N, C-alpha and C. Protein backbone atom coordinates (compact mmCIF):
# COMPACT_ATOMS: atom_id res chain seq x y z
N MET A 1 26.17 -18.63 5.83
CA MET A 1 27.02 -18.27 4.71
C MET A 1 26.15 -17.64 3.61
N ASN A 2 26.55 -16.48 3.16
CA ASN A 2 25.87 -15.79 2.07
C ASN A 2 26.64 -15.98 0.78
N LEU A 3 25.93 -15.95 -0.33
CA LEU A 3 26.56 -16.05 -1.64
C LEU A 3 26.37 -14.72 -2.37
N TRP A 4 27.49 -14.15 -2.82
CA TRP A 4 27.49 -12.85 -3.49
C TRP A 4 28.06 -13.02 -4.88
N GLU A 5 27.79 -12.03 -5.74
CA GLU A 5 28.32 -12.05 -7.10
C GLU A 5 28.86 -10.66 -7.44
N VAL A 6 29.96 -10.64 -8.18
CA VAL A 6 30.56 -9.37 -8.59
C VAL A 6 30.95 -9.48 -10.07
N TYR A 7 30.88 -8.36 -10.77
CA TYR A 7 31.33 -8.27 -12.16
C TYR A 7 32.66 -7.52 -12.17
N VAL A 8 33.67 -8.11 -12.83
CA VAL A 8 34.99 -7.48 -12.95
C VAL A 8 35.49 -7.67 -14.39
N ASN A 9 36.48 -6.88 -14.76
CA ASN A 9 37.10 -7.04 -16.07
C ASN A 9 38.15 -8.14 -16.05
N SER A 10 38.80 -8.29 -14.90
CA SER A 10 39.89 -9.25 -14.77
C SER A 10 39.99 -9.69 -13.32
N LEU A 11 40.50 -10.88 -13.07
CA LEU A 11 40.69 -11.33 -11.69
C LEU A 11 41.72 -10.47 -10.97
N ALA A 12 42.54 -9.75 -11.72
CA ALA A 12 43.51 -8.83 -11.12
C ALA A 12 42.80 -7.67 -10.42
N ASP A 13 41.52 -7.45 -10.73
CA ASP A 13 40.73 -6.40 -10.06
C ASP A 13 40.33 -6.79 -8.64
N LEU A 14 40.65 -8.02 -8.23
CA LEU A 14 40.30 -8.50 -6.89
C LEU A 14 41.56 -8.87 -6.11
N PRO A 15 42.36 -7.89 -5.69
CA PRO A 15 43.56 -8.22 -4.93
C PRO A 15 43.20 -8.86 -3.59
N GLN A 16 44.05 -9.77 -3.17
CA GLN A 16 43.81 -10.56 -1.96
C GLN A 16 44.05 -9.75 -0.69
N ASP A 17 43.11 -9.86 0.27
CA ASP A 17 43.24 -9.31 1.62
C ASP A 17 43.49 -7.80 1.66
N VAL A 18 42.93 -7.08 0.72
CA VAL A 18 43.00 -5.63 0.68
C VAL A 18 41.57 -5.10 0.71
N GLU A 19 41.34 -4.01 1.45
CA GLU A 19 39.98 -3.47 1.48
C GLU A 19 39.63 -2.88 0.12
N LEU A 20 38.54 -3.38 -0.45
CA LEU A 20 38.07 -2.95 -1.77
C LEU A 20 36.68 -2.35 -1.66
N THR A 21 36.34 -1.49 -2.58
CA THR A 21 34.96 -1.03 -2.72
C THR A 21 34.38 -1.74 -3.93
N LEU A 22 33.33 -2.53 -3.70
CA LEU A 22 32.73 -3.34 -4.74
C LEU A 22 31.23 -3.12 -4.82
N SER A 23 30.69 -3.27 -6.01
CA SER A 23 29.23 -3.37 -6.19
C SER A 23 28.93 -4.85 -6.34
N ILE A 24 28.30 -5.41 -5.34
CA ILE A 24 28.00 -6.84 -5.36
C ILE A 24 26.50 -7.05 -5.29
N ARG A 25 26.06 -8.23 -5.69
CA ARG A 25 24.64 -8.54 -5.55
C ARG A 25 24.50 -9.87 -4.85
N THR A 26 23.41 -10.00 -4.11
CA THR A 26 23.18 -11.21 -3.36
C THR A 26 22.59 -12.28 -4.27
N LEU A 27 22.99 -13.51 -4.04
CA LEU A 27 22.43 -14.65 -4.77
C LEU A 27 21.66 -15.56 -3.82
N ASN A 28 21.40 -15.09 -2.60
CA ASN A 28 20.64 -15.89 -1.63
C ASN A 28 19.19 -16.00 -2.09
N GLU A 29 18.59 -17.14 -1.82
CA GLU A 29 17.17 -17.33 -2.14
C GLU A 29 16.33 -16.38 -1.31
N GLY A 30 15.21 -15.97 -1.86
CA GLY A 30 14.30 -15.14 -1.10
C GLY A 30 13.90 -13.88 -1.83
N LYS A 31 13.22 -13.04 -1.11
CA LYS A 31 12.63 -11.82 -1.66
C LYS A 31 13.67 -10.85 -2.23
N TYR A 32 14.84 -10.79 -1.63
CA TYR A 32 15.84 -9.79 -2.01
C TYR A 32 16.95 -10.37 -2.88
N LYS A 33 16.73 -11.51 -3.53
CA LYS A 33 17.73 -12.08 -4.42
C LYS A 33 18.02 -11.09 -5.55
N TYR A 34 19.27 -10.96 -5.92
CA TYR A 34 19.75 -10.06 -6.97
C TYR A 34 19.76 -8.60 -6.57
N THR A 35 19.67 -8.30 -5.29
CA THR A 35 19.74 -6.92 -4.82
C THR A 35 21.20 -6.48 -4.78
N TYR A 36 21.49 -5.34 -5.39
CA TYR A 36 22.86 -4.81 -5.41
C TYR A 36 23.16 -3.99 -4.17
N SER A 37 24.41 -4.04 -3.73
CA SER A 37 24.90 -3.22 -2.62
C SER A 37 26.29 -2.73 -2.98
N ARG A 38 26.62 -1.55 -2.53
CA ARG A 38 27.98 -1.00 -2.66
C ARG A 38 28.62 -1.19 -1.30
N VAL A 39 29.71 -1.96 -1.23
CA VAL A 39 30.28 -2.34 0.05
C VAL A 39 31.80 -2.18 0.07
N ALA A 40 32.31 -2.10 1.29
CA ALA A 40 33.74 -2.26 1.53
C ALA A 40 33.92 -3.72 1.91
N ALA A 41 34.86 -4.39 1.29
CA ALA A 41 35.01 -5.83 1.52
C ALA A 41 36.46 -6.26 1.33
N LYS A 42 36.76 -7.42 1.87
CA LYS A 42 38.04 -8.09 1.62
C LYS A 42 37.73 -9.43 0.98
N VAL A 43 38.54 -9.81 -0.01
CA VAL A 43 38.33 -11.09 -0.69
C VAL A 43 39.61 -11.92 -0.62
N SER A 44 39.42 -13.23 -0.73
CA SER A 44 40.56 -14.14 -0.70
C SER A 44 40.23 -15.37 -1.55
N PRO A 45 41.22 -15.90 -2.29
CA PRO A 45 40.98 -17.14 -3.03
C PRO A 45 40.87 -18.35 -2.10
N ASP A 46 41.30 -18.21 -0.85
CA ASP A 46 41.17 -19.27 0.15
C ASP A 46 39.71 -19.27 0.64
N LEU A 47 38.96 -20.30 0.31
CA LEU A 47 37.52 -20.35 0.62
C LEU A 47 37.22 -20.41 2.11
N ASP A 48 38.20 -20.78 2.93
CA ASP A 48 37.98 -20.87 4.37
C ASP A 48 38.37 -19.60 5.12
N ARG A 49 38.95 -18.65 4.46
CA ARG A 49 39.46 -17.45 5.14
C ARG A 49 38.34 -16.53 5.64
N TYR A 50 37.32 -16.29 4.82
CA TYR A 50 36.22 -15.39 5.18
C TYR A 50 34.90 -16.17 5.16
N PRO A 51 33.87 -15.65 5.86
CA PRO A 51 32.65 -16.44 6.07
C PRO A 51 31.73 -16.59 4.85
N ASP A 52 31.75 -15.67 3.90
CA ASP A 52 30.82 -15.72 2.77
C ASP A 52 31.56 -16.10 1.49
N ARG A 53 30.79 -16.47 0.46
CA ARG A 53 31.36 -16.85 -0.84
C ARG A 53 31.09 -15.78 -1.88
N LEU A 54 32.04 -15.63 -2.80
CA LEU A 54 31.93 -14.65 -3.88
C LEU A 54 32.08 -15.37 -5.22
N GLN A 55 31.08 -15.19 -6.06
CA GLN A 55 31.11 -15.72 -7.42
C GLN A 55 31.49 -14.57 -8.34
N VAL A 56 32.38 -14.83 -9.28
CA VAL A 56 32.90 -13.77 -10.15
C VAL A 56 32.42 -13.96 -11.58
N ARG A 57 31.95 -12.86 -12.16
CA ARG A 57 31.60 -12.84 -13.58
C ARG A 57 32.43 -11.75 -14.26
N PHE A 58 32.74 -12.01 -15.53
CA PHE A 58 33.48 -11.03 -16.30
C PHE A 58 32.51 -10.10 -17.03
N GLY A 59 33.04 -9.09 -17.69
CA GLY A 59 32.24 -8.03 -18.29
C GLY A 59 31.11 -8.48 -19.18
N ARG A 60 31.29 -9.56 -19.90
CA ARG A 60 30.23 -10.04 -20.80
C ARG A 60 29.36 -11.11 -20.14
N GLY A 61 29.54 -11.32 -18.85
CA GLY A 61 28.69 -12.26 -18.13
C GLY A 61 29.25 -13.65 -17.97
N GLN A 62 30.45 -13.91 -18.49
CA GLN A 62 31.02 -15.24 -18.35
C GLN A 62 31.34 -15.51 -16.89
N LEU A 63 30.98 -16.68 -16.41
CA LEU A 63 31.23 -17.08 -15.04
C LEU A 63 32.65 -17.60 -14.90
N SER A 64 33.40 -17.06 -13.95
CA SER A 64 34.76 -17.52 -13.69
C SER A 64 34.69 -18.85 -12.94
N ASP A 65 35.62 -19.73 -13.25
CA ASP A 65 35.66 -21.01 -12.52
C ASP A 65 36.34 -20.85 -11.16
N LYS A 66 36.98 -19.71 -10.92
CA LYS A 66 37.65 -19.46 -9.65
C LYS A 66 36.67 -18.87 -8.64
N LYS A 67 36.63 -19.43 -7.44
CA LYS A 67 35.75 -18.96 -6.37
C LYS A 67 36.58 -18.23 -5.32
N PHE A 68 35.93 -17.32 -4.61
CA PHE A 68 36.58 -16.54 -3.57
C PHE A 68 35.74 -16.57 -2.30
N SER A 69 36.39 -16.29 -1.18
CA SER A 69 35.64 -16.01 0.05
C SER A 69 35.66 -14.49 0.22
N ILE A 70 34.64 -13.97 0.90
CA ILE A 70 34.50 -12.52 1.04
C ILE A 70 34.04 -12.18 2.45
N GLU A 71 34.57 -11.07 2.96
CA GLU A 71 34.11 -10.52 4.23
C GLU A 71 33.62 -9.10 3.95
N ILE A 72 32.35 -8.86 4.27
CA ILE A 72 31.76 -7.54 4.08
C ILE A 72 32.11 -6.69 5.30
N LEU A 73 32.83 -5.60 5.09
CA LEU A 73 33.25 -4.73 6.19
C LEU A 73 32.21 -3.66 6.50
N GLY A 74 31.40 -3.32 5.52
CA GLY A 74 30.36 -2.31 5.72
C GLY A 74 29.83 -1.82 4.40
N GLU A 75 28.69 -1.16 4.46
CA GLU A 75 28.11 -0.59 3.24
C GLU A 75 28.71 0.77 2.96
N LYS A 76 28.88 1.08 1.70
CA LYS A 76 29.38 2.38 1.27
C LYS A 76 28.22 3.20 0.74
N GLN A 77 28.31 4.48 0.94
CA GLN A 77 27.27 5.37 0.44
C GLN A 77 27.47 5.55 -1.06
N ILE A 78 26.41 5.32 -1.81
CA ILE A 78 26.49 5.45 -3.27
C ILE A 78 26.41 6.91 -3.69
N VAL A 79 25.53 7.66 -3.04
CA VAL A 79 25.36 9.07 -3.37
C VAL A 79 26.51 9.86 -2.74
N PRO A 80 27.18 10.73 -3.50
CA PRO A 80 28.25 11.53 -2.91
C PRO A 80 27.75 12.34 -1.73
N GLU A 81 28.60 12.56 -0.77
CA GLU A 81 28.24 13.22 0.49
C GLU A 81 27.58 14.58 0.26
N LYS A 82 28.05 15.33 -0.73
CA LYS A 82 27.48 16.66 -0.93
C LYS A 82 26.04 16.61 -1.44
N TYR A 83 25.61 15.47 -1.95
CA TYR A 83 24.23 15.32 -2.41
C TYR A 83 23.35 14.54 -1.44
N ALA A 84 23.93 14.02 -0.39
CA ALA A 84 23.18 13.20 0.56
C ALA A 84 22.27 14.07 1.42
N TRP A 85 21.21 13.46 1.91
CA TRP A 85 20.27 14.16 2.79
C TRP A 85 20.89 14.35 4.15
N GLY A 86 20.81 15.56 4.66
CA GLY A 86 21.31 15.87 5.99
C GLY A 86 20.16 16.17 6.93
N GLU A 87 20.50 16.43 8.18
CA GLU A 87 19.48 16.74 9.19
C GLU A 87 18.66 17.97 8.80
N ALA A 88 19.31 19.00 8.26
CA ALA A 88 18.59 20.23 7.87
C ALA A 88 17.56 19.94 6.78
N ASP A 89 17.91 19.07 5.84
CA ASP A 89 16.97 18.72 4.77
C ASP A 89 15.75 18.00 5.33
N ILE A 90 15.99 17.08 6.24
CA ILE A 90 14.90 16.31 6.83
C ILE A 90 13.99 17.22 7.66
N GLU A 91 14.58 18.13 8.42
CA GLU A 91 13.78 19.07 9.21
C GLU A 91 12.96 19.98 8.30
N PHE A 92 13.54 20.44 7.21
CA PHE A 92 12.82 21.29 6.26
C PHE A 92 11.61 20.55 5.68
N LEU A 93 11.81 19.31 5.30
CA LEU A 93 10.71 18.53 4.75
C LEU A 93 9.62 18.30 5.79
N ALA A 94 10.02 18.03 7.02
CA ALA A 94 9.04 17.80 8.09
C ALA A 94 8.20 19.05 8.33
N ARG A 95 8.83 20.23 8.28
CA ARG A 95 8.10 21.48 8.50
C ARG A 95 7.16 21.80 7.35
N SER A 96 7.54 21.44 6.14
CA SER A 96 6.74 21.80 4.98
C SER A 96 5.56 20.85 4.74
N MET A 97 5.48 19.79 5.48
CA MET A 97 4.37 18.83 5.28
C MET A 97 3.15 19.21 6.08
């Protein structure tokens, strides 16, 4: 079980069982604690529904007393597609080195 944290303005920003795009950070102990990820996820107030836990903070950092379960469906690309590195860019860099 992983522990994640998200910042929202309101609990209404976390609709139940709908695919959401969230910026979350890990709270697991270790080298990568507090690492942010942009993910597609589903959340639920039922703690047994999904395998991981989600801790919610509001805009000013206040910790919500309500806990959620979360399922990470996959990582989302942060950089827009038109700015992302493609095969041609990688080949160009390899040739120029």
